[in-house]
Amino acid sequence: MIRFFIQVVIVFICVTLSIKWTVEAILFREVYSDRNRVVAGLSQVHLDQLHFFADQLVTCPPQEQGNRLADFAKQSNGPLAILPIAELVDSDRSRLKKPDGFIVRYADGMIDYLGVPLSNDNYLLCGPIGHVTNRFIEVQVESWIKGIRDALESSGDAQATISKYSRLIRVPIRIEERERLPDRVSETMTDYHKSVFYQTEAGSFVALELRDSSRVICLGPLLEVTNYAQVAARYGILGWLLGASAVLAWMIINVSLRFRKIQNAAVEIADGNFSARVDTRNLGEATKLAAAFNTMASKTESVIRTQKELLQVVSHELRTPLSRLKFAAALVPRSQIDQGIDSPGLVMLQSIEDIEAIVQEILFYVRNEQAEPLQSKEIITIKLALEGILRALQIEYPHLQVEMVFAGSDPSIKVLADRRSFQRVFANLTSNAARYAVSTVRIHVSESKEFDTQSMSQRFVYVDVEDDGPGIPEEFHYEVMKPFVRIDPGSQDEQQASSHSGLGLGLAIVNRILQQHGGSVQIDSRPLGGCMVRTRWP
């Protein structure tokens, strides 16, 4: 995971640097180097004014150019100067010769000088203007409208002048009656030399009072000026964040797929394929975990294989001496067996039966090793399936009251199960209950509807086996489900110890059969005072 963390940090650093480089590149291309967008579109207004001044200077006599230039400088944001083109570097000279060409110079990343051609030998330069960048648009528009007002008042044809300047600056110009302006604008317009900016639903406008105070000249709607620095930052950051998200998503998915291989191997082992291993090639961050998992799986497989081989060998090897003992027991005279409960012959026969039961239990457990769904299921009527078991139990333990109770008085409850396995479960449970019960063994049958994760209802049947014996301490409820686990006699009195000694496979077999059927088994305490084993069948 350390390597994955380092990779994420490297991606983050690369993305940060890439965002910085992208934003600067977009700013340079879209803001600093594009004529129509220099400094977020500010240069267009200023360049149009410079071209206007240049046109006026070209048409006036040479001896008046100095005076006109001084007048224009008063209307402009920065100083104006007429300079020779020959002093420019080759790149600036070539730019001035282009159609509608201009030159631009920067200071601290902002436009400080702008120049437009005046003649073949001279050009008009405005600057420095960097200190007024913040108020650039308003000041320039105000100087524009003042120049247009002066041209209108000195012209004999107002309509022709308006048409000329509308084409030149590409912004609508019109003369309005003052009373038609919004009241707040009209009230603000109190200075002949001060323009007023205002906003309406149609857009942004600027108005300036004419000498005839009943009328004003209006420019607008003004073109929207986009802040290209913000646009560059927005799209640059968005683009790279999307790219970084894609890279991080790929890295996370790649890591997830590597860990998915370990998960799949774990599922295979859980399904009984103990030879499943994880291919440690090209696992990256999960290599050490996969190696540790394979080591654990190998040791687990070895232990299980050894245990299974031991069970098989022991159970099969016991059959031979067991057969010999049964043959020898058959030769014991009947008189020795009938001597009483402590007679050697009867003890020998009982021991042989116990050994045979142990062997059968072990073989059944080994053969049903996989907790997989059974194929030989059928609809079983619970009452009919358990009657024979209860009858044999009553004969073997005549002092006990053995009863079967149905919730809702419905004795026809059925269950979907393998008949042999179903009867094996309750043969084990009722045998245990009868062995430890004092006076009563009860089987309680009920059914209920439950909902799964997909909100689908399913009917389950609960068959509980209860007794009034000493019970099983709560701390051992989970442990006794494991194979070959017996309760430590040292933790109980002598009577409880004898009650819970046994093969250690009975409840493990019950648990495995319930898993094969998609059910479950649970140990609890009930009002009878002993142990209750609840089985849940679909």
Protein backbone atom coordinates (compact mmCIF):
# COMPACT_ATOMS: atom_id res chain seq x y z
CA MET A 1 0.00 0.00 0.00
CA ILE A 2 3.00 2.32 0.50
CA ARG A 3 3.75 2.07 -3.20
CA PHE A 4 0.13 2.85 -4.04
CA PHE A 5 0.27 5.90 -1.76
CA ILE A 6 3.46 7.08 -3.47
CA GLN A 7 1.78 6.65 -6.85
CA VAL A 8 -1.21 8.75 -5.71
CA VAL A 9 1.12 11.48 -4.44
CA ILE A 10 3.04 11.50 -7.73
CA VAL A 11 -0.22 11.76 -9.68
CA PHE A 12 -1.34 14.64 -7.46
CA ILE A 13 1.94 16.52 -7.99
CA CYS A 14 1.83 15.92 -11.75
CA VAL A 15 -1.77 17.11 -11.93
CA THR A 16 -0.99 20.25 -9.92
CA LEU A 17 1.97 21.13 -12.15
CA SER A 18 -0.04 20.29 -15.27
CA ILE A 19 -2.90 22.57 -14.15
CA LYS A 20 -0.41 25.40 -13.59
CA TRP A 21 1.20 24.84 -17.01
CA THR A 22 -2.16 24.53 -18.77
CA VAL A 23 -3.63 27.68 -17.20
CA GLU A 24 -0.53 29.68 -18.06
CA ALA A 25 -0.52 28.32 -21.62
CA ILE A 26 -4.19 29.16 -22.12
CA LEU A 27 -3.69 32.62 -20.65
CA PHE A 28 -0.76 33.30 -22.94
CA ARG A 29 -2.53 32.06 -26.03
CA GLU A 30 -6.03 33.32 -25.32
CA VAL A 31 -5.24 36.49 -23.37
CA TYR A 32 -1.79 37.79 -24.06
CA SER A 33 -1.32 36.84 -27.72
CA ASP A 34 -4.78 37.04 -29.27
CA ARG A 35 -5.71 40.44 -30.68
CA ASN A 36 -9.40 40.01 -29.92
CA ARG A 37 -8.84 38.85 -26.33
CA VAL A 38 -5.81 40.67 -24.99
CA VAL A 39 -6.25 40.99 -21.25
CA ALA A 40 -9.74 39.53 -21.27
CA GLY A 41 -10.84 41.58 -24.30
CA LEU A 42 -9.74 44.97 -22.98
CA SER A 43 -7.41 45.77 -25.88
CA GLN A 44 -10.18 45.76 -28.49
CA VAL A 45 -11.74 48.90 -27.08
CA HIS A 46 -8.39 50.63 -26.80
CA LEU A 47 -7.18 49.53 -30.23
CA ASP A 48 -10.36 50.81 -31.85
CA GLN A 49 -9.76 54.15 -30.18
CA LEU A 50 -6.13 54.20 -31.35
CA HIS A 51 -7.25 53.46 -34.90
CA PHE A 52 -9.79 56.26 -34.59
CA PHE A 53 -7.08 58.68 -33.41
CA ALA A 54 -4.79 57.50 -36.21
CA ASP A 55 -7.50 58.12 -38.84
CA GLN A 56 -8.03 61.63 -37.43
CA LEU A 57 -4.32 62.41 -37.40
CA VAL A 58 -3.79 61.19 -40.96
CA THR A 59 -6.57 63.43 -42.30
CA CYS A 60 -5.42 66.58 -40.53
CA PRO A 61 -2.57 68.80 -41.85
CA PRO A 62 0.93 67.95 -40.51
CA GLN A 63 1.25 71.28 -38.69
CA GLU A 64 -1.89 70.51 -36.66
CA GLN A 65 -0.97 66.95 -35.73
CA GLY A 66 0.78 68.06 -32.54
CA ASN A 67 -2.28 69.91 -31.27
CA ARG A 68 -4.64 67.12 -32.21
CA LEU A 69 -2.36 64.59 -30.57
CA ALA A 70 -2.43 66.64 -27.35
CA ASP A 71 -6.25 66.76 -27.49
CA PHE A 72 -6.43 63.02 -28.03
CA ALA A 73 -4.01 62.41 -25.16
CA LYS A 74 -6.47 64.14 -22.82
CA GLN A 75 -9.17 61.66 -23.89
CA SER A 76 -6.89 58.63 -23.70
CA ASN A 77 -5.85 56.58 -20.67
CA GLY A 78 -2.16 56.95 -21.35
CA PRO A 79 0.34 59.19 -23.08
CA LEU A 80 0.29 59.23 -26.91
CA ALA A 81 3.36 59.51 -29.10
CA ILE A 82 4.16 59.36 -32.81
CA LEU A 83 7.32 57.31 -33.31
CA PRO A 84 9.28 56.08 -36.35
CA ILE A 85 8.69 52.48 -37.43
CA ALA A 86 12.37 52.13 -38.26
CA GLU A 87 13.23 51.99 -34.57
CA LEU A 88 11.13 48.85 -34.04
CA VAL A 89 12.49 45.34 -34.12
CA ASP A 90 11.73 43.23 -37.19
CA SER A 91 8.95 41.26 -35.52
CA ASP A 92 7.05 44.42 -34.51
CA ARG A 93 7.51 45.95 -37.98
CA SER A 94 6.09 42.82 -39.61
CA ARG A 95 3.08 42.86 -37.27
CA LEU A 96 2.31 46.49 -38.06
CA LYS A 97 2.30 45.73 -41.78
CA LYS A 98 -0.43 43.10 -41.41
CA PRO A 99 -4.05 44.10 -42.11
CA ASP A 100 -5.44 45.72 -38.99
CA GLY A 101 -2.09 45.03 -37.35
CA PHE A 102 -0.88 46.34 -34.00
CA ILE A 103 1.92 45.83 -31.52
CA VAL A 104 1.63 45.11 -27.83
CA ARG A 105 4.15 45.17 -24.98
CA TYR A 106 3.73 43.81 -21.48
CA ALA A 107 4.79 44.71 -17.96
CA ASP A 108 4.30 42.15 -15.16
CA GLY A 109 2.11 40.08 -17.43
CA MET A 110 -0.25 42.97 -18.24
CA ILE A 111 -0.49 45.18 -21.32
CA ASP A 112 1.48 48.36 -20.85
CA TYR A 113 1.89 49.68 -24.43
CA LEU A 114 -0.24 49.43 -27.56
CA GLY A 115 0.67 50.75 -31.01
CA VAL A 116 -1.06 51.01 -34.38
CA PRO A 117 0.35 52.10 -37.77
CA LEU A 118 -0.04 55.77 -38.64
CA SER A 119 1.77 55.89 -41.97
CA ASN A 120 4.46 53.96 -43.81
CA ASP A 121 7.11 55.57 -41.63
CA ASN A 122 5.43 56.28 -38.31
CA TYR A 123 3.16 54.57 -35.79
CA LEU A 124 0.99 55.78 -32.93
CA LEU A 125 1.98 54.46 -29.50
CA CYS A 126 -0.14 54.61 -26.33
CA GLY A 127 1.36 53.91 -22.95
CA PRO A 128 2.21 53.15 -20.29
CA ILE A 129 -1.32 52.08 -19.36
CA GLY A 130 -0.73 49.14 -16.98
CA HIS A 131 -1.55 51.21 -13.89
CA VAL A 132 -5.10 51.85 -15.11
CA THR A 133 -5.93 48.31 -16.17
CA ASN A 134 -8.57 47.84 -13.48
CA ARG A 135 -10.63 50.77 -14.80
CA PHE A 136 -9.64 50.19 -18.39
CA ILE A 137 -13.02 49.47 -19.92
CA GLU A 138 -14.99 52.21 -18.24
CA VAL A 139 -12.33 54.83 -18.86
CA GLN A 140 -11.91 53.81 -22.49
CA VAL A 141 -15.64 53.72 -23.16
CA GLU A 142 -15.99 57.09 -21.49
CA SER A 143 -13.24 58.57 -23.62
CA TRP A 144 -14.85 56.99 -26.68
CA ILE A 145 -18.26 58.47 -26.01
CA LYS A 146 -16.76 61.88 -25.33
CA GLY A 147 -14.93 61.77 -28.65
CA ILE A 148 -18.10 60.73 -30.44
CA ARG A 149 -20.06 63.52 -28.72
CA ASP A 150 -17.46 66.05 -29.85
CA ALA A 151 -17.68 64.72 -33.40
CA LEU A 152 -21.50 64.89 -33.34
CA GLU A 153 -21.63 68.44 -32.03
CA SER A 154 -19.10 69.63 -34.62
CA SER A 155 -20.76 67.74 -37.47
CA GLY A 156 -23.60 68.99 -39.58
CA ASP A 157 -24.95 65.50 -40.28
CA ALA A 158 -25.54 63.74 -36.98
CA GLN A 159 -26.98 60.57 -38.55
CA ALA A 160 -24.00 60.10 -40.86
CA THR A 161 -21.60 60.57 -37.94
CA ILE A 162 -23.50 58.01 -35.83
CA SER A 163 -23.45 55.48 -38.68
CA LYS A 164 -19.72 56.01 -39.21
CA TYR A 165 -18.78 55.46 -35.57
CA SER A 166 -21.19 52.54 -35.15
CA ARG A 167 -19.38 50.73 -37.93
CA LEU A 168 -16.01 51.68 -36.52
CA ILE A 169 -16.50 50.60 -32.92
CA ARG A 170 -19.08 47.86 -33.64
CA VAL A 171 -21.35 49.07 -30.80
CA PRO A 172 -24.81 50.62 -31.45
CA ILE A 173 -24.92 54.39 -30.99
CA ARG A 174 -28.07 56.47 -30.71
CA ILE A 175 -29.38 59.80 -29.46
CA GLU A 176 -32.10 59.47 -26.84
CA GLU A 177 -34.45 61.90 -25.18
CA ARG A 178 -33.37 62.26 -21.57
CA GLU A 179 -36.86 61.64 -20.27
CA ARG A 180 -36.90 58.17 -21.89
CA LEU A 181 -33.99 57.01 -19.74
CA PRO A 182 -34.68 55.25 -16.44
CA ASP A 183 -35.32 57.76 -13.66
CA ARG A 184 -32.30 56.68 -11.66
CA VAL A 185 -30.03 57.27 -14.70
CA SER A 186 -31.52 60.66 -15.49
CA GLU A 187 -31.15 61.81 -11.90
CA THR A 188 -27.51 60.68 -11.79
CA MET A 189 -26.58 62.54 -14.98
CA THR A 190 -25.70 65.96 -13.54
CA ASP A 191 -22.25 66.59 -15.04
CA TYR A 192 -21.70 67.39 -18.70
CA HIS A 193 -18.22 65.86 -18.57
CA LYS A 194 -19.23 62.68 -16.67
CA SER A 195 -20.72 59.61 -18.36
CA VAL A 196 -23.13 57.26 -16.61
CA PHE A 197 -23.09 53.45 -16.89
CA TYR A 198 -26.35 51.61 -16.29
CA GLN A 199 -27.81 48.14 -16.68
CA THR A 200 -31.15 47.05 -18.17
CA GLU A 201 -32.62 43.78 -19.28
CA ALA A 202 -31.21 44.47 -22.74
CA GLY A 203 -27.63 44.72 -21.44
CA SER A 204 -25.07 47.29 -20.30
CA PHE A 205 -25.21 50.90 -21.58
CA VAL A 206 -23.30 54.15 -21.16
CA ALA A 207 -24.88 57.60 -21.58
CA LEU A 208 -23.41 61.12 -21.83
CA GLU A 209 -25.28 64.41 -21.77
CA LEU A 210 -25.21 66.57 -24.94
CA ARG A 211 -25.03 70.36 -24.92
CA ASP A 212 -28.77 70.24 -25.38
CA SER A 213 -29.40 68.86 -21.88
CA SER A 214 -32.73 67.38 -22.96
CA ARG A 215 -30.93 64.80 -25.05
CA VAL A 216 -28.16 62.25 -24.39
CA ILE A 217 -25.91 60.03 -26.51
CA CYS A 218 -26.08 56.34 -25.63
CA LEU A 219 -23.72 53.47 -26.48
CA GLY A 220 -24.97 49.96 -26.04
CA PRO A 221 -25.66 47.31 -25.42
CA LEU A 222 -21.94 46.90 -24.79
CA LEU A 223 -20.38 43.61 -25.75
CA GLU A 224 -19.94 41.25 -22.83
CA VAL A 225 -16.29 41.07 -21.83
CA THR A 226 -15.27 37.60 -20.67
CA ASN A 227 -12.64 37.20 -18.00
CA TYR A 228 -10.40 34.82 -19.87
CA ALA A 229 -8.15 34.31 -16.88
CA GLN A 230 -11.07 32.75 -15.01
CA VAL A 231 -12.10 30.79 -18.08
CA ALA A 232 -8.57 29.48 -18.51
CA ALA A 233 -8.34 28.50 -14.86
CA ARG A 234 -11.80 26.91 -14.87
CA TYR A 235 -11.30 24.80 -17.97
CA GLY A 236 -7.70 24.00 -17.17
CA ILE A 237 -8.50 22.82 -13.66
CA LEU A 238 -11.65 21.00 -14.78
CA GLY A 239 -9.85 19.24 -17.61
CA TRP A 240 -6.95 18.09 -15.51
CA LEU A 241 -9.14 17.11 -12.58
CA LEU A 242 -11.20 14.95 -14.92
CA GLY A 243 -8.00 13.47 -16.27
CA ALA A 244 -6.66 12.92 -12.76
CA SER A 245 -9.97 11.35 -11.71
CA ALA A 246 -9.73 8.97 -14.65
CA VAL A 247 -6.15 8.05 -13.74
CA LEU A 248 -7.00 7.57 -10.06
CA ALA A 249 -10.09 5.56 -10.99
CA TRP A 250 -7.92 3.33 -13.18
CA MET A 251 -5.40 2.92 -10.35
CA ILE A 252 -8.11 2.09 -7.82
CA ILE A 253 -9.85 -0.34 -10.19
CA ASN A 254 -6.51 -1.95 -10.95
CA VAL A 255 -5.77 -2.38 -7.24
CA SER A 256 -9.32 -3.61 -6.66
CA LEU A 257 -8.95 -6.23 -9.39
CA ARG A 258 -5.72 -7.43 -7.82
CA PHE A 259 -7.39 -7.84 -4.45
CA ARG A 260 -10.38 -9.41 -6.21
CA LYS A 261 -8.11 -12.29 -7.22
CA ILE A 262 -7.40 -12.92 -3.54
CA GLN A 263 -11.11 -12.68 -2.79
CA ASN A 264 -11.94 -15.21 -5.52
CA ALA A 265 -9.35 -17.61 -4.18
CA ALA A 266 -10.79 -17.23 -0.68
CA VAL A 267 -14.29 -17.98 -2.00
CA GLU A 268 -12.99 -21.10 -3.77
CA ILE A 269 -11.39 -22.30 -0.55
CA ALA A 270 -14.61 -21.60 1.32
CA ASP A 271 -16.44 -23.70 -1.28
CA GLY A 272 -14.11 -26.62 -0.56
CA ASN A 273 -11.43 -26.21 -3.23
CA PHE A 274 -8.49 -26.16 -0.82
CA SER A 275 -5.99 -26.29 -3.67
CA ALA A 276 -6.99 -22.80 -4.88
CA ARG A 277 -4.10 -20.32 -4.91
CA VAL A 278 -3.51 -16.74 -5.97
CA ASP A 279 -1.20 -16.08 -8.92
CA THR A 280 1.33 -13.63 -7.42
CA ARG A 281 2.56 -12.36 -10.79
CA ASN A 282 1.76 -8.72 -11.64
CA LEU A 283 -0.11 -8.14 -8.38
CA GLY A 284 1.82 -5.01 -7.40
CA GLU A 285 0.65 -3.79 -3.99
CA ALA A 286 -1.16 -7.09 -3.30
CA THR A 287 1.89 -9.32 -3.87
CA LYS A 288 2.84 -9.68 -0.19
CA LEU A 289 -0.77 -10.22 0.83
CA ALA A 290 -1.21 -12.85 -1.91
CA ALA A 291 1.97 -14.64 -0.82
CA ALA A 292 0.79 -14.65 2.80
CA PHE A 293 -2.63 -15.89 1.69
CA ASN A 294 -1.08 -18.73 -0.33
CA THR A 295 1.05 -19.71 2.67
CA MET A 296 -2.03 -19.75 4.89
CA ALA A 297 -4.01 -21.72 2.28
CA SER A 298 -1.23 -24.29 1.93
CA LYS A 299 -1.02 -24.84 5.67
CA THR A 300 -4.80 -25.01 5.97
CA GLU A 301 -5.00 -27.53 3.12
CA SER A 302 -2.27 -29.59 4.74
CA VAL A 303 -4.05 -29.64 8.10
CA ILE A 304 -7.42 -30.51 6.57
CA ARG A 305 -5.93 -33.17 4.33
CA THR A 306 -4.08 -34.70 7.27
CA GLN A 307 -7.20 -34.61 9.39
CA LYS A 308 -9.31 -36.19 6.64
CA GLU A 309 -6.74 -38.87 5.93
CA LEU A 310 -6.49 -39.61 9.63
CA LEU A 311 -10.26 -39.92 9.94
CA GLN A 312 -10.48 -42.18 6.93
CA VAL A 313 -7.60 -44.37 8.03
CA VAL A 314 -8.76 -44.64 11.61
CA SER A 315 -12.37 -45.33 10.70
CA HIS A 316 -11.51 -47.94 8.11
CA GLU A 317 -8.80 -49.57 10.21
CA LEU A 318 -11.18 -49.81 13.14
CA ARG A 319 -13.62 -51.81 11.10
CA THR A 320 -11.38 -54.87 10.98
CA PRO A 321 -10.87 -55.29 14.75
CA LEU A 322 -14.48 -54.26 15.24
CA SER A 323 -15.64 -57.11 13.05
CA ARG A 324 -13.43 -59.51 14.99
CA LEU A 325 -14.87 -58.25 18.29
CA LYS A 326 -18.41 -58.69 17.01
CA PHE A 327 -17.56 -62.21 15.91
CA ALA A 328 -16.00 -62.95 19.29
CA ALA A 329 -18.99 -61.47 21.11
CA ALA A 330 -21.28 -63.75 19.20
CA LEU A 331 -19.40 -66.70 20.72
CA VAL A 332 -19.99 -65.50 24.30
CA PRO A 333 -22.53 -67.76 26.04
CA ARG A 334 -25.95 -66.23 26.52
CA SER A 335 -25.80 -67.02 30.21
CA GLN A 336 -22.90 -64.57 30.68
CA ILE A 337 -24.79 -61.76 28.93
CA ASP A 338 -27.94 -62.25 31.04
CA GLN A 339 -26.09 -62.01 34.38
CA GLY A 340 -26.94 -58.32 34.74
CA ILE A 341 -26.00 -54.80 33.72
CA ASP A 342 -22.45 -55.22 34.99
CA SER A 343 -21.79 -58.57 33.35
CA PRO A 344 -18.60 -58.69 31.23
CA GLY A 345 -20.45 -59.96 28.21
CA LEU A 346 -23.03 -57.15 28.27
CA VAL A 347 -20.32 -54.50 28.78
CA MET A 348 -18.40 -55.92 25.84
CA LEU A 349 -21.46 -55.83 23.56
CA GLN A 350 -22.27 -52.29 24.63
CA SER A 351 -18.67 -51.19 23.97
CA ILE A 352 -18.75 -52.76 20.54
CA GLU A 353 -21.93 -50.87 19.72
CA ASP A 354 -20.38 -47.62 20.93
CA ILE A 355 -17.27 -48.16 18.79
CA GLU A 356 -19.42 -48.94 15.77
CA ALA A 357 -21.43 -45.78 16.34
CA ILE A 358 -18.21 -43.78 16.50
CA VAL A 359 -16.97 -45.26 13.22
CA GLN A 360 -20.30 -44.61 11.50
CA GLU A 361 -20.34 -41.04 12.76
CA ILE A 362 -16.82 -40.36 11.52
CA LEU A 363 -17.51 -41.90 8.11
CA PHE A 364 -20.69 -39.87 7.73
CA TYR A 365 -18.85 -36.67 8.61
CA VAL A 366 -16.00 -37.35 6.17
CA ARG A 367 -18.35 -38.30 3.32
CA ASN A 368 -20.38 -35.12 3.83
CA GLU A 369 -17.34 -32.87 3.96
CA GLN A 370 -18.62 -30.25 1.49
CA ALA A 371 -21.39 -27.94 2.67
CA GLU A 372 -22.97 -27.93 -0.81
CA PRO A 373 -26.69 -28.00 -1.64
CA LEU A 374 -28.08 -31.52 -1.88
CA GLN A 375 -29.71 -32.67 -5.11
CA SER A 376 -31.94 -35.42 -3.68
CA LYS A 377 -34.46 -33.15 -1.97
CA GLU A 378 -38.14 -33.92 -1.66
CA ILE A 379 -41.23 -32.62 0.09
CA ILE A 380 -41.29 -34.24 3.55
CA THR A 381 -44.16 -34.22 6.03
CA ILE A 382 -42.39 -33.56 9.30
CA LYS A 383 -44.78 -35.55 11.51
CA LEU A 384 -44.50 -38.71 9.40
CA ALA A 385 -40.69 -38.37 9.05
CA LEU A 386 -40.14 -38.10 12.82
CA GLU A 387 -42.71 -40.60 14.14
CA GLY A 388 -40.36 -43.55 13.83
CA ILE A 389 -37.51 -41.70 15.56
CA LEU A 390 -39.75 -40.68 18.45
CA ARG A 391 -41.18 -44.19 18.80
CA ALA A 392 -37.68 -45.71 19.06
CA LEU A 393 -36.72 -42.98 21.51
CA GLN A 394 -39.71 -43.77 23.71
CA ILE A 395 -38.79 -47.45 23.76
CA GLU A 396 -35.13 -46.73 24.61
CA TYR A 397 -36.01 -44.15 27.30
CA PRO A 398 -39.33 -45.28 28.76
CA HIS A 399 -39.03 -42.93 31.75
CA LEU A 400 -39.16 -39.82 29.50
CA GLN A 401 -42.17 -37.97 28.17
CA VAL A 402 -41.51 -37.54 24.42
CA GLU A 403 -43.90 -35.17 22.65
CA MET A 404 -44.23 -33.30 19.34
CA VAL A 405 -45.98 -29.90 19.33
CA PHE A 406 -47.13 -28.02 16.21
CA ALA A 407 -47.64 -24.27 16.32
CA GLY A 408 -51.16 -23.42 15.20
CA SER A 409 -52.27 -27.06 15.57
CA ASP A 410 -51.24 -27.83 11.97
CA PRO A 411 -49.61 -31.29 11.89
CA SER A 412 -49.26 -31.23 8.09
CA ILE A 413 -46.29 -28.83 7.94
CA LYS A 414 -43.85 -29.89 5.24
CA VAL A 415 -40.23 -29.15 4.48
CA LEU A 416 -38.00 -29.47 1.38
CA ALA A 417 -35.07 -31.67 2.38
CA ASP A 418 -33.12 -34.86 1.79
CA ARG A 419 -35.05 -37.46 3.78
CA ARG A 420 -32.05 -39.43 5.00
CA SER A 421 -30.18 -36.29 6.12
CA PHE A 422 -33.31 -34.83 7.72
CA GLN A 423 -33.86 -37.96 9.82
CA ARG A 424 -30.15 -38.10 10.68
CA VAL A 425 -30.34 -34.57 12.13
CA PHE A 426 -33.22 -35.38 14.46
CA ALA A 427 -31.90 -38.79 15.35
CA ASN A 428 -28.76 -37.02 16.65
CA LEU A 429 -30.64 -34.17 18.36
CA THR A 430 -33.31 -36.30 20.05
CA SER A 431 -30.70 -38.85 21.14
CA ASN A 432 -28.64 -36.07 22.78
CA ALA A 433 -31.75 -34.54 24.34
CA ALA A 434 -32.94 -37.89 25.72
CA ARG A 435 -29.51 -38.71 27.11
CA TYR A 436 -29.40 -35.50 29.17
CA ALA A 437 -33.12 -34.91 29.85
CA VAL A 438 -34.64 -35.44 33.30
CA SER A 439 -38.24 -36.10 32.33
CA THR A 440 -39.23 -34.39 29.06
CA VAL A 441 -38.10 -34.21 25.44
CA ARG A 442 -40.15 -31.96 23.21
CA ILE A 443 -40.09 -31.26 19.46
CA HIS A 444 -41.71 -27.94 18.56
CA VAL A 445 -42.59 -27.27 14.89
CA SER A 446 -43.53 -23.84 13.50
CA GLU A 447 -43.28 -21.85 10.29
CA SER A 448 -42.85 -18.19 9.34
CA LYS A 449 -42.27 -15.93 6.34
CA GLU A 450 -39.04 -13.94 6.12
CA PHE A 451 -37.70 -11.33 3.68
CA ASP A 452 -34.28 -11.47 2.07
CA THR A 453 -32.10 -8.62 0.77
CA GLN A 454 -34.15 -8.39 -2.43
CA SER A 455 -37.40 -7.98 -0.46
CA MET A 456 -38.56 -11.42 -1.58
CA SER A 457 -40.53 -13.43 0.96
CA GLN A 458 -39.62 -17.05 1.67
CA ARG A 459 -41.25 -19.56 4.02
CA PHE A 460 -39.07 -21.23 6.63
CA VAL A 461 -39.89 -24.11 8.96
CA TYR A 462 -38.45 -24.17 12.49
CA VAL A 463 -38.05 -27.52 14.22
CA ASP A 464 -36.84 -27.11 17.81
CA VAL A 465 -35.63 -29.97 20.01
CA GLU A 466 -35.89 -29.15 23.75
CA ASP A 467 -35.11 -30.99 26.95
CA ASP A 468 -35.22 -30.26 30.67
CA GLY A 469 -31.68 -31.39 31.36
CA PRO A 470 -28.75 -29.35 32.72
CA GLY A 471 -28.37 -27.41 29.44
CA ILE A 472 -25.24 -26.05 27.79
CA PRO A 473 -23.55 -22.95 29.22
CA GLU A 474 -23.98 -19.95 26.93
CA GLU A 475 -20.24 -19.49 26.41
CA PHE A 476 -20.11 -22.96 24.78
CA HIS A 477 -23.05 -22.52 22.38
CA TYR A 478 -20.78 -21.70 19.43
CA GLU A 479 -17.91 -24.00 20.35
CA VAL A 480 -19.92 -27.21 20.46
CA MET A 481 -20.83 -26.73 16.78
CA LYS A 482 -17.23 -27.44 15.83
CA PRO A 483 -16.11 -31.01 15.11
CA PHE A 484 -14.31 -32.92 17.88
CA VAL A 485 -15.05 -30.19 20.43
CA ARG A 486 -16.19 -31.25 23.87
CA ILE A 487 -16.94 -29.05 26.83
CA ASP A 488 -14.09 -28.99 29.33
CA PRO A 489 -15.23 -31.09 32.27
CA GLY A 490 -13.05 -28.98 34.54
CA SER A 491 -15.33 -25.99 34.01
CA GLN A 492 -18.46 -27.79 35.32
CA ASP A 493 -19.45 -30.13 38.07
CA GLU A 494 -19.24 -33.85 37.55
CA GLN A 495 -22.87 -34.27 36.51
CA GLN A 496 -22.65 -31.57 33.82
CA ALA A 497 -19.39 -32.98 32.56
CA SER A 498 -20.88 -36.38 32.01
CA SER A 499 -23.91 -34.84 30.39
CA HIS A 500 -21.90 -33.09 27.71
CA SER A 501 -19.23 -35.65 26.97
CA GLY A 502 -19.60 -37.39 23.66
CA LEU A 503 -18.06 -37.91 20.25
CA GLY A 504 -17.88 -34.23 19.41
CA LEU A 505 -19.32 -34.79 15.92
CA GLY A 506 -23.08 -34.88 16.46
CA LEU A 507 -23.77 -31.15 16.37
CA ALA A 508 -21.07 -30.61 13.73
CA ILE A 509 -22.91 -33.07 11.45
CA VAL A 510 -26.22 -31.33 12.19
CA ASN A 511 -24.69 -27.94 11.35
CA ARG A 512 -23.24 -29.24 8.07
CA ILE A 513 -26.53 -30.80 6.96
CA LEU A 514 -28.41 -27.55 7.68
CA GLN A 515 -25.83 -25.62 5.63
CA GLN A 516 -26.30 -28.07 2.77
CA HIS A 517 -30.03 -27.34 2.86
CA GLY A 518 -29.61 -23.54 3.06
CA GLY A 519 -30.78 -23.47 6.66
CA SER A 520 -29.17 -22.84 10.02
CA VAL A 521 -28.89 -24.25 13.54
CA GLN A 522 -28.80 -22.35 16.82
CA ILE A 523 -28.45 -23.36 20.47
CA ASP A 524 -30.49 -21.52 23.10
CA SER A 525 -32.19 -21.99 26.46
CA ARG A 526 -35.94 -22.55 26.85
CA PRO A 527 -38.56 -22.56 29.62
CA LEU A 528 -38.08 -26.29 30.15
CA GLY A 529 -34.81 -25.31 31.77
CA GLY A 530 -32.48 -27.37 29.59
CA CYS A 531 -31.11 -26.99 26.11
CA MET A 532 -32.97 -26.04 22.95
CA VAL A 533 -31.49 -26.68 19.50
CA ARG A 534 -33.37 -24.65 16.87
CA THR A 535 -33.12 -25.82 13.26
CA ARG A 536 -34.27 -23.60 10.38
CA TRP A 537 -35.31 -25.29 7.12
CA PRO A 538 -36.44 -23.69 3.83
